[in-house]
PDB file of N, CA and C in Angstrom:
ATOM      1  N   UNK A   1      19.246 -15.270  64.672  1.00  0.00           N
ATOM      2  CA  UNK A   1      19.870 -16.241  65.534  1.00  0.00           C
ATOM      3  C   UNK A   1      20.464 -15.498  66.739  1.00  0.00           C
ATOM      4  N   UNK A   2      20.511 -16.175  67.840  1.00  0.00           N
ATOM      5  CA  UNK A   2      21.108 -15.582  69.022  1.00  0.00           C
ATOM      6  C   UNK A   2      21.860 -16.655  69.795  1.00  0.00           C
ATOM      7  N   UNK A   3      22.595 -16.212  70.783  1.00  0.00           N
ATOM      8  CA  UNK A   3      23.344 -17.134  71.623  1.00  0.00           C
ATOM      9  C   UNK A   3      23.153 -16.654  73.064  1.00  0.00           C
ATOM     10  N   UNK A   4      23.088 -17.597  73.970  1.00  0.00           N
ATOM     11  CA  UNK A   4      22.956 -17.255  75.378  1.00  0.00           C
ATOM     12  C   UNK A   4      24.283 -17.523  76.065  1.00  0.00           C
ATOM     13  N   UNK A   5      24.823 -16.495  76.688  1.00  0.00           N
ATOM     14  CA  UNK A   5      26.060 -16.608  77.465  1.00  0.00           C
ATOM     15  C   UNK A   5      25.691 -16.304  78.908  1.00  0.00           C
ATOM     16  N   UNK A   6      25.798 -17.301  79.750  1.00  0.00           N
ATOM     17  CA  UNK A   6      25.336 -17.123  81.111  1.00  0.00           C
ATOM     18  C   UNK A   6      23.853 -16.822  81.078  1.00  0.00           C
ATOM     19  N   UNK A   7      23.455 -15.749  81.714  1.00  0.00           N
ATOM     20  CA  UNK A   7      22.037 -15.378  81.722  1.00  0.00           C
ATOM     21  C   UNK A   7      21.707 -14.262  80.730  1.00  0.00           C
ATOM     22  N   UNK A   8      22.622 -13.993  79.795  1.00  0.00           N
ATOM     23  CA  UNK A   8      22.455 -12.889  78.858  1.00  0.00           C
ATOM     24  C   UNK A   8      22.280 -13.404  77.430  1.00  0.00           C
ATOM     25  N   UNK A   9      21.323 -12.816  76.726  1.00  0.00           N
ATOM     26  CA  UNK A   9      21.099 -13.158  75.318  1.00  0.00           C
ATOM     27  C   UNK A   9      21.846 -12.174  74.434  1.00  0.00           C
ATOM     28  N   UNK A  10      22.599 -12.718  73.500  1.00  0.00           N
ATOM     29  CA  UNK A  10      23.374 -11.916  72.560  1.00  0.00           C
ATOM     30  C   UNK A  10      22.805 -12.090  71.166  1.00  0.00           C
ATOM     31  N   UNK A  11      22.685 -10.998  70.435  1.00  0.00           N
ATOM     32  CA  UNK A  11      22.206 -11.006  69.059  1.00  0.00           C
ATOM     33  C   UNK A  11      23.369 -11.294  68.122  1.00  0.00           C
ATOM     34  N   UNK A  12      23.113 -12.101  67.109  1.00  0.00           N
ATOM     35  CA  UNK A  12      24.147 -12.389  66.128  1.00  0.00           C
ATOM     36  C   UNK A  12      23.923 -13.736  65.500  1.00  0.00           C
ATOM     37  N   UNK A  13      24.880 -14.219  64.755  1.00  0.00           N
ATOM     38  CA  UNK A  13      26.131 -13.520  64.477  1.00  0.00           C
ATOM     39  C   UNK A  13      25.910 -12.351  63.523  1.00  0.00           C
ATOM     40  N   UNK A  14      26.695 -11.328  63.708  1.00  0.00           N
ATOM     41  CA  UNK A  14      26.629 -10.143  62.863  1.00  0.00           C
ATOM     42  C   UNK A  14      27.768 -10.252  61.858  1.00  0.00           C
ATOM     43  N   UNK A  15      27.398 -10.373  60.595  1.00  0.00           N
ATOM     44  CA  UNK A  15      28.373 -10.660  59.542  1.00  0.00           C
ATOM     45  C   UNK A  15      29.243  -9.449  59.193  1.00  0.00           C
ATOM     46  N   UNK A  16      28.693  -8.272  59.279  1.00  0.00           N
ATOM     47  CA  UNK A  16      29.428  -7.081  58.881  1.00  0.00           C
ATOM     48  C   UNK A  16      29.504  -6.109  60.048  1.00  0.00           C
ATOM     49  N   UNK A  17      30.710  -5.670  60.365  1.00  0.00           N
ATOM     50  CA  UNK A  17      30.882  -4.773  61.511  1.00  0.00           C
ATOM     51  C   UNK A  17      30.070  -3.495  61.376  1.00  0.00           C
ATOM     52  N   UNK A  18      29.810  -3.045  60.132  1.00  0.00           N
ATOM     53  CA  UNK A  18      29.039  -1.820  59.977  1.00  0.00           C
ATOM     54  C   UNK A  18      27.575  -2.008  60.366  1.00  0.00           C
ATOM     55  N   UNK A  19      27.151  -3.248  60.592  1.00  0.00           N
ATOM     56  CA  UNK A  19      25.787  -3.533  61.062  1.00  0.00           C
ATOM     57  C   UNK A  19      25.695  -3.454  62.583  1.00  0.00           C
ATOM     58  N   UNK A  20      26.826  -3.344  63.254  1.00  0.00           N
ATOM     59  CA  UNK A  20      26.840  -3.213  64.704  1.00  0.00           C
ATOM     60  C   UNK A  20      26.593  -1.745  65.040  1.00  0.00           C
ATOM     61  N   UNK A  21      25.608  -1.505  65.882  1.00  0.00           N
ATOM     62  CA  UNK A  21      25.325  -0.127  66.292  1.00  0.00           C
ATOM     63  C   UNK A  21      26.442   0.357  67.214  1.00  0.00           C
ATOM     64  N   UNK A  22      26.796   1.602  67.075  1.00  0.00           N
ATOM     65  CA  UNK A  22      27.845   2.191  67.907  1.00  0.00           C
ATOM     66  C   UNK A  22      27.227   2.681  69.215  1.00  0.00           C
ATOM     67  N   UNK A  23      26.639   1.730  69.920  1.00  0.00           N
ATOM     68  CA  UNK A  23      25.928   1.987  71.176  1.00  0.00           C
ATOM     69  C   UNK A  23      26.589   1.202  72.298  1.00  0.00           C
ATOM     70  N   UNK A  24      26.178   1.489  73.510  1.00  0.00           N
ATOM     71  CA  UNK A  24      26.715   0.814  74.692  1.00  0.00           C
ATOM     72  C   UNK A  24      26.269  -0.642  74.727  1.00  0.00           C
ATOM     73  N   UNK A  25      27.203  -1.511  75.173  1.00  0.00           N
ATOM     74  CA  UNK A  25      26.842  -2.911  75.311  1.00  0.00           C
ATOM     75  C   UNK A  25      28.038  -3.795  75.575  1.00  0.00           C
ATOM     76  N   UNK A  26      27.776  -5.083  75.456  1.00  0.00           N
ATOM     77  CA  UNK A  26      28.776  -6.126  75.658  1.00  0.00           C
ATOM     78  C   UNK A  26      28.941  -6.837  74.324  1.00  0.00           C
ATOM     79  N   UNK A  27      30.171  -7.154  73.962  1.00  0.00           N
ATOM     80  CA  UNK A  27      30.408  -7.922  72.733  1.00  0.00           C
ATOM     81  C   UNK A  27      30.991  -9.277  73.104  1.00  0.00           C
ATOM     82  N   UNK A  28      30.703 -10.247  72.246  1.00  0.00           N
ATOM     83  CA  UNK A  28      31.273 -11.588  72.396  1.00  0.00           C
ATOM     84  C   UNK A  28      31.848 -11.985  71.046  1.00  0.00           C
ATOM     85  N   UNK A  29      33.128 -12.328  71.047  1.00  0.00           N
ATOM     86  CA  UNK A  29      33.788 -12.824  69.841  1.00  0.00           C
ATOM     87  C   UNK A  29      33.846 -14.335  69.999  1.00  0.00           C
ATOM     88  N   UNK A  30      33.233 -15.033  69.055  1.00  0.00           N
ATOM     89  CA  UNK A  30      33.077 -16.485  69.132  1.00  0.00           C
ATOM     90  C   UNK A  30      33.740 -17.123  67.923  1.00  0.00           C
ATOM     91  N   UNK A  31      34.410 -18.245  68.138  1.00  0.00           N
ATOM     92  CA  UNK A  31      34.996 -19.022  67.050  1.00  0.00           C
ATOM     93  C   UNK A  31      34.140 -20.267  66.860  1.00  0.00           C
ATOM     94  N   UNK A  32      33.673 -20.461  65.648  1.00  0.00           N
ATOM     95  CA  UNK A  32      32.875 -21.630  65.298  1.00  0.00           C
ATOM     96  C   UNK A  32      33.752 -22.606  64.521  1.00  0.00           C
ATOM     97  N   UNK A  33      33.895 -23.823  65.067  1.00  0.00           N
ATOM     98  CA  UNK A  33      34.698 -24.865  64.432  1.00  0.00           C
ATOM     99  C   UNK A  33      33.879 -26.149  64.436  1.00  0.00           C
ATOM    100  N   UNK A  34      33.521 -26.639  63.253  1.00  0.00           N
ATOM    101  CA  UNK A  34      32.785 -27.899  63.140  1.00  0.00           C
ATOM    102  C   UNK A  34      31.585 -27.952  64.076  1.00  0.00           C
ATOM    103  N   UNK A  35      30.743 -26.935  64.038  1.00  0.00           N
ATOM    104  CA  UNK A  35      29.517 -26.850  64.842  1.00  0.00           C
ATOM    105  C   UNK A  35      29.758 -26.758  66.342  1.00  0.00           C
ATOM    106  N   UNK A  36      30.975 -26.452  66.754  1.00  0.00           N
ATOM    107  CA  UNK A  36      31.272 -26.164  68.151  1.00  0.00           C
ATOM    108  C   UNK A  36      31.615 -24.684  68.248  1.00  0.00           C
ATOM    109  N   UNK A  37      31.248 -24.078  69.360  1.00  0.00           N
ATOM    110  CA  UNK A  37      31.424 -22.649  69.534  1.00  0.00           C
ATOM    111  C   UNK A  37      32.278 -22.392  70.758  1.00  0.00           C
ATOM    112  N   UNK A  38      33.298 -21.540  70.589  1.00  0.00           N
ATOM    113  CA  UNK A  38      34.218 -21.202  71.663  1.00  0.00           C
ATOM    114  C   UNK A  38      34.241 -19.689  71.839  1.00  0.00           C
ATOM    115  N   UNK A  39      34.124 -19.248  73.068  1.00  0.00           N
ATOM    116  CA  UNK A  39      34.204 -17.818  73.337  1.00  0.00           C
ATOM    117  C   UNK A  39      35.671 -17.406  73.320  1.00  0.00           C
ATOM    118  N   UNK A  40      36.013 -16.543  72.387  1.00  0.00           N
ATOM    119  CA  UNK A  40      37.384 -16.079  72.210  1.00  0.00           C
ATOM    120  C   UNK A  40      37.642 -14.832  73.055  1.00  0.00           C
ATOM    121  N   UNK A  41      36.661 -13.950  73.099  1.00  0.00           N
ATOM    122  CA  UNK A  41      36.834 -12.718  73.865  1.00  0.00           C
ATOM    123  C   UNK A  41      35.462 -12.162  74.203  1.00  0.00           C
ATOM    124  N   UNK A  42      35.422 -11.409  75.269  1.00  0.00           N
ATOM    125  CA  UNK A  42      34.215 -10.700  75.681  1.00  0.00           C
ATOM    126  C   UNK A  42      34.669  -9.368  76.253  1.00  0.00           C
ATOM    127  N   UNK A  43      33.892  -8.337  76.004  1.00  0.00           N
ATOM    128  CA  UNK A  43      34.255  -7.027  76.514  1.00  0.00           C
ATOM    129  C   UNK A  43      33.062  -6.097  76.511  1.00  0.00           C
ATOM    130  N   UNK A  44      33.300  -4.899  76.996  1.00  0.00           N
ATOM    131  CA  UNK A  44      32.227  -3.909  77.065  1.00  0.00           C
ATOM    132  C   UNK A  44      32.727  -2.611  76.463  1.00  0.00           C
ATOM    133  N   UNK A  45      31.773  -1.803  76.034  1.00  0.00           N
ATOM    134  CA  UNK A  45      32.129  -0.498  75.502  1.00  0.00           C
ATOM    135  C   UNK A  45      30.889   0.385  75.434  1.00  0.00           C
ATOM    136  N   UNK A  46      31.106   1.668  75.481  1.00  0.00           N
ATOM    137  CA  UNK A  46      30.004   2.608  75.262  1.00  0.00           C
ATOM    138  C   UNK A  46      29.752   2.778  73.763  1.00  0.00           C
ATOM    139  N   UNK A  47      30.715   2.288  72.941  1.00  0.00           N
ATOM    140  CA  UNK A  47      30.594   2.362  71.476  1.00  0.00           C
ATOM    141  C   UNK A  47      31.097   1.042  70.887  1.00  0.00           C
ATOM    142  N   UNK A  48      30.189   0.072  70.776  1.00  0.00           N
ATOM    143  CA  UNK A  48      30.580  -1.287  70.393  1.00  0.00           C
ATOM    144  C   UNK A  48      31.286  -1.370  69.045  1.00  0.00           C
ATOM    145  N   UNK A  49      30.696  -0.792  68.005  1.00  0.00           N
ATOM    146  CA  UNK A  49      31.302  -0.907  66.676  1.00  0.00           C
ATOM    147  C   UNK A  49      32.720  -0.348  66.666  1.00  0.00           C
ATOM    148  N   UNK A  50      32.905   0.831  67.242  1.00  0.00           N
ATOM    149  CA  UNK A  50      34.221   1.452  67.286  1.00  0.00           C
ATOM    150  C   UNK A  50      35.205   0.571  68.041  1.00  0.00           C
ATOM    151  N   UNK A  51      34.777   0.020  69.169  1.00  0.00           N
ATOM    152  CA  UNK A  51      35.666  -0.822  69.977  1.00  0.00           C
ATOM    153  C   UNK A  51      36.099  -2.065  69.217  1.00  0.00           C
ATOM    154  N   UNK A  52      35.152  -2.746  68.583  1.00  0.00           N
ATOM    155  CA  UNK A  52      35.472  -3.975  67.855  1.00  0.00           C
ATOM    156  C   UNK A  52      36.370  -3.679  66.658  1.00  0.00           C
ATOM    157  N   UNK A  53      36.063  -2.627  65.921  1.00  0.00           N
ATOM    158  CA  UNK A  53      36.864  -2.277  64.746  1.00  0.00           C
ATOM    159  C   UNK A  53      38.309  -1.937  65.110  1.00  0.00           C
ATOM    160  N   UNK A  54      38.529  -1.383  66.286  1.00  0.00           N
ATOM    161  CA  UNK A  54      39.857  -0.916  66.677  1.00  0.00           C
ATOM    162  C   UNK A  54      40.478  -1.748  67.790  1.00  0.00           C
ATOM    163  N   UNK A  55      39.979  -2.940  68.004  1.00  0.00           N
ATOM    164  CA  UNK A  55      40.428  -3.745  69.141  1.00  0.00           C
ATOM    165  C   UNK A  55      41.874  -4.199  68.970  1.00  0.00           C
ATOM    166  N   UNK A  56      42.656  -4.096  70.040  1.00  0.00           N
ATOM    167  CA  UNK A  56      44.066  -4.470  69.986  1.00  0.00           C
ATOM    168  C   UNK A  56      44.282  -5.982  69.888  1.00  0.00           C
ATOM    169  N   UNK A  57      43.270  -6.786  70.172  1.00  0.00           N
ATOM    170  CA  UNK A  57      43.406  -8.245  70.075  1.00  0.00           C
ATOM    171  C   UNK A  57      42.824  -8.816  68.778  1.00  0.00           C
ATOM    172  N   UNK A  58      42.379  -7.956  67.865  1.00  0.00           N
ATOM    173  CA  UNK A  58      41.713  -8.421  66.643  1.00  0.00           C
ATOM    174  C   UNK A  58      42.589  -9.382  65.838  1.00  0.00           C
ATOM    175  N   UNK A  59      43.875  -9.070  65.685  1.00  0.00           N
ATOM    176  CA  UNK A  59      44.768  -9.963  64.937  1.00  0.00           C
ATOM    177  C   UNK A  59      44.896 -11.317  65.623  1.00  0.00           C
ATOM    178  N   UNK A  60      44.916 -11.319  66.939  1.00  0.00           N
ATOM    179  CA  UNK A  60      45.006 -12.561  67.697  1.00  0.00           C
ATOM    180  C   UNK A  60      43.740 -13.393  67.510  1.00  0.00           C
ATOM    181  N   UNK A  61      42.559 -12.746  67.502  1.00  0.00           N
ATOM    182  CA  UNK A  61      41.307 -13.464  67.266  1.00  0.00           C
ATOM    183  C   UNK A  61      41.383 -14.207  65.933  1.00  0.00           C
ATOM    184  N   UNK A  62      41.805 -13.490  64.910  1.00  0.00           N
ATOM    185  CA  UNK A  62      41.855 -14.054  63.555  1.00  0.00           C
ATOM    186  C   UNK A  62      42.891 -15.167  63.476  1.00  0.00           C
ATOM    187  N   UNK A  63      44.072 -14.940  63.998  1.00  0.00           N
ATOM    188  CA  UNK A  63      45.167 -15.909  63.916  1.00  0.00           C
ATOM    189  C   UNK A  63      44.854 -17.226  64.621  1.00  0.00           C
ATOM    190  N   UNK A  64      44.154 -17.155  65.752  1.00  0.00           N
ATOM    191  CA  UNK A  64      43.960 -18.334  66.578  1.00  0.00           C
ATOM    192  C   UNK A  64      42.613 -19.018  66.427  1.00  0.00           C
ATOM    193  N   UNK A  65      41.793 -18.555  65.517  1.00  0.00           N
ATOM    194  CA  UNK A  65      40.518 -19.224  65.245  1.00  0.00           C
ATOM    195  C   UNK A  65      40.668 -20.015  63.958  1.00  0.00           C
ATOM    196  N   UNK A  66      40.636 -21.334  64.076  1.00  0.00           N
ATOM    197  CA  UNK A  66      40.793 -22.181  62.883  1.00  0.00           C
ATOM    198  C   UNK A  66      39.475 -22.363  62.140  1.00  0.00           C
ATOM    199  N   UNK A  67      38.424 -21.751  62.638  1.00  0.00           N
ATOM    200  CA  UNK A  67      37.120 -21.813  61.980  1.00  0.00           C
ATOM    201  C   UNK A  67      36.688 -20.423  61.560  1.00  0.00           C
ATOM    202  N   UNK A  68      35.444 -20.108  61.855  1.00  0.00           N
ATOM    203  CA  UNK A  68      34.874 -18.819  61.482  1.00  0.00           C
ATOM    204  C   UNK A  68      34.677 -17.957  62.722  1.00  0.00           C
ATOM    205  N   UNK A  69      35.143 -16.714  62.656  1.00  0.00           N
ATOM    206  CA  UNK A  69      34.922 -15.768  63.753  1.00  0.00           C
ATOM    207  C   UNK A  69      33.529 -15.167  63.623  1.00  0.00           C
ATOM    208  N   UNK A  70      32.815 -15.140  64.727  1.00  0.00           N
ATOM    209  CA  UNK A  70      31.466 -14.602  64.761  1.00  0.00           C
ATOM    210  C   UNK A  70      31.403 -13.515  65.821  1.00  0.00           C
ATOM    211  N   UNK A  71      30.618 -12.484  65.554  1.00  0.00           N
ATOM    212  CA  UNK A  71      30.444 -11.390  66.498  1.00  0.00           C
ATOM    213  C   UNK A  71      29.004 -11.398  66.990  1.00  0.00           C
ATOM    214  N   UNK A  72      28.857 -11.364  68.306  1.00  0.00           N
ATOM    215  CA  UNK A  72      27.546 -11.274  68.945  1.00  0.00           C
ATOM    216  C   UNK A  72      27.556 -10.049  69.846  1.00  0.00           C
ATOM    217  N   UNK A  73      26.394  -9.405  70.004  1.00  0.00           N
ATOM    218  CA  UNK A  73      26.314  -8.215  70.846  1.00  0.00           C
ATOM    219  C   UNK A  73      25.103  -8.285  71.773  1.00  0.00           C
ATOM    220  N   UNK A  74      25.265  -7.655  72.911  1.00  0.00           N
ATOM    221  CA  UNK A  74      24.191  -7.495  73.885  1.00  0.00           C
ATOM    222  C   UNK A  74      24.164  -6.010  74.219  1.00  0.00           C
ATOM    223  N   UNK A  75      23.197  -5.295  73.624  1.00  0.00           N
ATOM    224  CA  UNK A  75      23.119  -3.850  73.846  1.00  0.00           C
ATOM    225  C   UNK A  75      22.594  -3.560  75.255  1.00  0.00           C
ATOM    226  N   UNK A  76      23.194  -2.559  75.885  1.00  0.00           N
ATOM    227  CA  UNK A  76      22.817  -2.181  77.251  1.00  0.00           C
ATOM    228  C   UNK A  76      22.652  -0.661  77.326  1.00  0.00           C
ATOM    229  N   UNK A  77      21.625  -0.127  76.663  1.00  0.00           N
ATOM    230  CA  UNK A  77      21.499   1.332  76.577  1.00  0.00           C
ATOM    231  C   UNK A  77      21.282   2.033  77.919  1.00  0.00           C
ATOM    232  N   UNK A  78      20.802   1.310  78.916  1.00  0.00           N
ATOM    233  CA  UNK A  78      20.483   1.956  80.188  1.00  0.00           C
ATOM    234  C   UNK A  78      21.489   1.650  81.290  1.00  0.00           C
ATOM    235  N   UNK A  79      22.557   0.927  80.956  1.00  0.00           N
ATOM    236  CA  UNK A  79      23.549   0.592  81.967  1.00  0.00           C
ATOM    237  C   UNK A  79      24.756   1.528  81.886  1.00  0.00           C
ATOM    238  N   UNK A  80      25.271   1.883  83.023  1.00  0.00           N
ATOM    239  CA  UNK A  80      26.501   2.659  83.102  1.00  0.00           C
ATOM    240  C   UNK A  80      27.691   1.709  82.929  1.00  0.00           C
ATOM    241  N   UNK A  81      28.878   2.278  82.724  1.00  0.00           N
ATOM    242  CA  UNK A  81      30.065   1.477  82.468  1.00  0.00           C
ATOM    243  C   UNK A  81      30.316   0.452  83.573  1.00  0.00           C
ATOM    244  N   UNK A  82      30.161   0.819  84.815  1.00  0.00           N
ATOM    245  CA  UNK A  82      30.438  -0.112  85.912  1.00  0.00           C
ATOM    246  C   UNK A  82      29.558  -1.356  85.831  1.00  0.00           C
ATOM    247  N   UNK A  83      28.302  -1.209  85.441  1.00  0.00           N
ATOM    248  CA  UNK A  83      27.405  -2.360  85.294  1.00  0.00           C
ATOM    249  C   UNK A  83      27.833  -3.229  84.113  1.00  0.00           C
ATOM    250  N   UNK A  84      28.296  -2.597  83.029  1.00  0.00           N
ATOM    251  CA  UNK A  84      28.785  -3.374  81.879  1.00  0.00           C
ATOM    252  C   UNK A  84      30.043  -4.144  82.254  1.00  0.00           C
ATOM    253  N   UNK A  85      30.919  -3.515  83.013  1.00  0.00           N
ATOM    254  CA  UNK A  85      32.145  -4.181  83.463  1.00  0.00           C
ATOM    255  C   UNK A  85      31.788  -5.388  84.331  1.00  0.00           C
ATOM    256  N   UNK A  86      30.778  -5.247  85.154  1.00  0.00           N
ATOM    257  CA  UNK A  86      30.337  -6.366  85.998  1.00  0.00           C
ATOM    258  C   UNK A  86      29.889  -7.559  85.138  1.00  0.00           C
ATOM    259  N   UNK A  87      29.124  -7.296  84.090  1.00  0.00           N
ATOM    260  CA  UNK A  87      28.683  -8.373  83.184  1.00  0.00           C
ATOM    261  C   UNK A  87      29.889  -9.002  82.496  1.00  0.00           C
ATOM    262  N   UNK A  88      30.807  -8.170  82.002  1.00  0.00           N
ATOM    263  CA  UNK A  88      32.015  -8.674  81.349  1.00  0.00           C
ATOM    264  C   UNK A  88      32.785  -9.602  82.292  1.00  0.00           C
ATOM    265  N   UNK A  89      32.998  -9.171  83.534  1.00  0.00           N
ATOM    266  CA  UNK A  89      33.737  -9.984  84.495  1.00  0.00           C
ATOM    267  C   UNK A  89      33.003 -11.280  84.817  1.00  0.00           C
ATOM    268  N   UNK A  90      31.698 -11.191  84.931  1.00  0.00           N
ATOM    269  CA  UNK A  90      30.880 -12.385  85.187  1.00  0.00           C
ATOM    270  C   UNK A  90      31.066 -13.415  84.069  1.00  0.00           C
ATOM    271  N   UNK A  91      31.036 -12.961  82.829  1.00  0.00           N
ATOM    272  CA  UNK A  91      31.192 -13.870  81.689  1.00  0.00           C
ATOM    273  C   UNK A  91      32.625 -14.389  81.580  1.00  0.00           C
ATOM    274  N   UNK A  92      33.598 -13.575  81.906  1.00  0.00           N
ATOM    275  CA  UNK A  92      34.995 -14.032  81.892  1.00  0.00           C
ATOM    276  C   UNK A  92      35.213 -15.136  82.926  1.00  0.00           C
ATOM    277  N   UNK A  93      34.633 -14.984  84.106  1.00  0.00           N
ATOM    278  CA  UNK A  93      34.764 -16.008  85.140  1.00  0.00           C
ATOM    279  C   UNK A  93      34.057 -17.302  84.748  1.00  0.00           C
ATOM    280  N   UNK A  94      32.948 -17.172  84.050  1.00  0.00           N
ATOM    281  CA  UNK A  94      32.167 -18.338  83.650  1.00  0.00           C
ATOM    282  C   UNK A  94      32.803 -19.114  82.497  1.00  0.00           C
ATOM    283  N   UNK A  95      33.349 -18.398  81.497  1.00  0.00           N
ATOM    284  CA  UNK A  95      33.817 -19.045  80.271  1.00  0.00           C
ATOM    285  C   UNK A  95      35.330 -19.028  80.060  1.00  0.00           C
ATOM    286  N   UNK A  96      36.073 -18.235  80.807  1.00  0.00           N
ATOM    287  CA  UNK A  96      37.529 -18.153  80.675  1.00  0.00           C
ATOM    288  C   UNK A  96      37.967 -17.938  79.228  1.00  0.00           C
ATOM    289  N   UNK A  97      37.448 -16.888  78.560  1.00  0.00           N
ATOM    290  CA  UNK A  97      37.834 -16.678  77.165  1.00  0.00           C
ATOM    291  C   UNK A  97      39.295 -16.291  77.056  1.00  0.00           C
ATOM    292  N   UNK A  98      39.855 -16.624  75.924  1.00  0.00           N
ATOM    293  CA  UNK A  98      41.232 -16.249  75.638  1.00  0.00           C
ATOM    294  C   UNK A  98      41.453 -16.341  74.156  1.00  0.00           C
ATOM    295  N   UNK A  99      42.362 -15.573  73.684  1.00  0.00           N
ATOM    296  CA  UNK A  99      42.629 -15.549  72.256  1.00  0.00           C
ATOM    297  C   UNK A  99      43.114 -16.907  71.757  1.00  0.00           C
ATOM    298  N   UNK A 100      43.843 -17.620  72.574  1.00  0.00           N
ATOM    299  CA  UNK A 100      44.338 -18.940  72.169  1.00  0.00           C
ATOM    300  C   UNK A 100      43.296 -19.989  72.520  1.00  0.00           C
ATOM    301  N   UNK A 101      42.853 -20.733  71.518  1.00  0.00           N
ATOM    302  CA  UNK A 101      41.689 -21.601  71.636  1.00  0.00           C
ATOM    303  C   UNK A 101      41.863 -22.794  72.576  1.00  0.00           C
ATOM    304  N   UNK A 102      43.079 -23.261  72.807  1.00  0.00           N
ATOM    305  CA  UNK A 102      43.249 -24.495  73.573  1.00  0.00           C
ATOM    306  C   UNK A 102      42.757 -24.382  75.011  1.00  0.00           C
ATOM    307  N   UNK A 103      42.637 -23.182  75.541  1.00  0.00           N
ATOM    308  CA  UNK A 103      42.194 -23.006  76.920  1.00  0.00           C
ATOM    309  C   UNK A 103      40.716 -22.647  77.044  1.00  0.00           C
ATOM    310  N   UNK A 104      40.033 -22.479  75.938  1.00  0.00           N
ATOM    311  CA  UNK A 104      38.669 -21.979  75.977  1.00  0.00           C
ATOM    312  C   UNK A 104      37.658 -23.082  76.242  1.00  0.00           C
ATOM    313  N   UNK A 105      36.578 -22.691  76.877  1.00  0.00           N
ATOM    314  CA  UNK A 105      35.492 -23.601  77.198  1.00  0.00           C
ATOM    315  C   UNK A 105      34.492 -23.593  76.053  1.00  0.00           C
ATOM    316  N   UNK A 106      34.073 -24.767  75.686  1.00  0.00           N
ATOM    317  CA  UNK A 106      33.076 -24.933  74.639  1.00  0.00           C
ATOM    318  C   UNK A 106      31.753 -24.359  75.122  1.00  0.00           C
ATOM    319  N   UNK A 107      31.120 -23.558  74.280  1.00  0.00           N
ATOM    320  CA  UNK A 107      29.819 -22.988  74.621  1.00  0.00           C
ATOM    321  C   UNK A 107      28.759 -24.038  74.327  1.00  0.00           C
ATOM    322  N   UNK A 108      28.123 -24.526  75.357  1.00  0.00           N
ATOM    323  CA  UNK A 108      27.131 -25.590  75.153  1.00  0.00           C
ATOM    324  C   UNK A 108      25.708 -25.049  75.182  1.00  0.00           C
ATOM    325  N   UNK A 109      25.566 -23.746  75.335  1.00  0.00           N
ATOM    326  CA  UNK A 109      24.231 -23.169  75.334  1.00  0.00           C
ATOM    327  C   UNK A 109      23.618 -23.345  73.952  1.00  0.00           C
ATOM    328  N   UNK A 110      22.298 -23.465  73.915  1.00  0.00           N
ATOM    329  CA  UNK A 110      21.577 -23.695  72.674  1.00  0.00           C
ATOM    330  C   UNK A 110      21.754 -22.526  71.725  1.00  0.00           C
ATOM    331  N   UNK A 111      21.950 -22.837  70.476  1.00  0.00           N
ATOM    332  CA  UNK A 111      21.966 -21.850  69.409  1.00  0.00           C
ATOM    333  C   UNK A 111      20.567 -21.854  68.812  1.00  0.00           C
ATOM    334  N   UNK A 112      19.958 -20.710  68.644  1.00  0.00           N
ATOM    335  CA  UNK A 112      18.626 -20.675  68.049  1.00  0.00           C
ATOM    336  C   UNK A 112      18.443 -19.457  67.188  1.00  0.00           C
TER     337      UNK A 112
END
């Protein structure tokens, strides 16, 4: 299954963090509530698994998602950090993610 955020395809949901490769890419933390999907957070890292496992907002993701937290990744092995930051900012402007769900935009892109 995958999810499309803006013009980028993300692989997931990934059930176990140890299945996430510790490679460069963009991560999307999504909350699923009654078949609706909300982007909780998006970020970039040169080491995705390490970043997600040690993220300072992880407790906030868990506390404020009344459904199931899902992790999606978009690996970018050939992009430098500045290009990953550009994608992160693009997605933040498009979806306005935030740890608190009341301000988040429902992801209406097709799930497949």
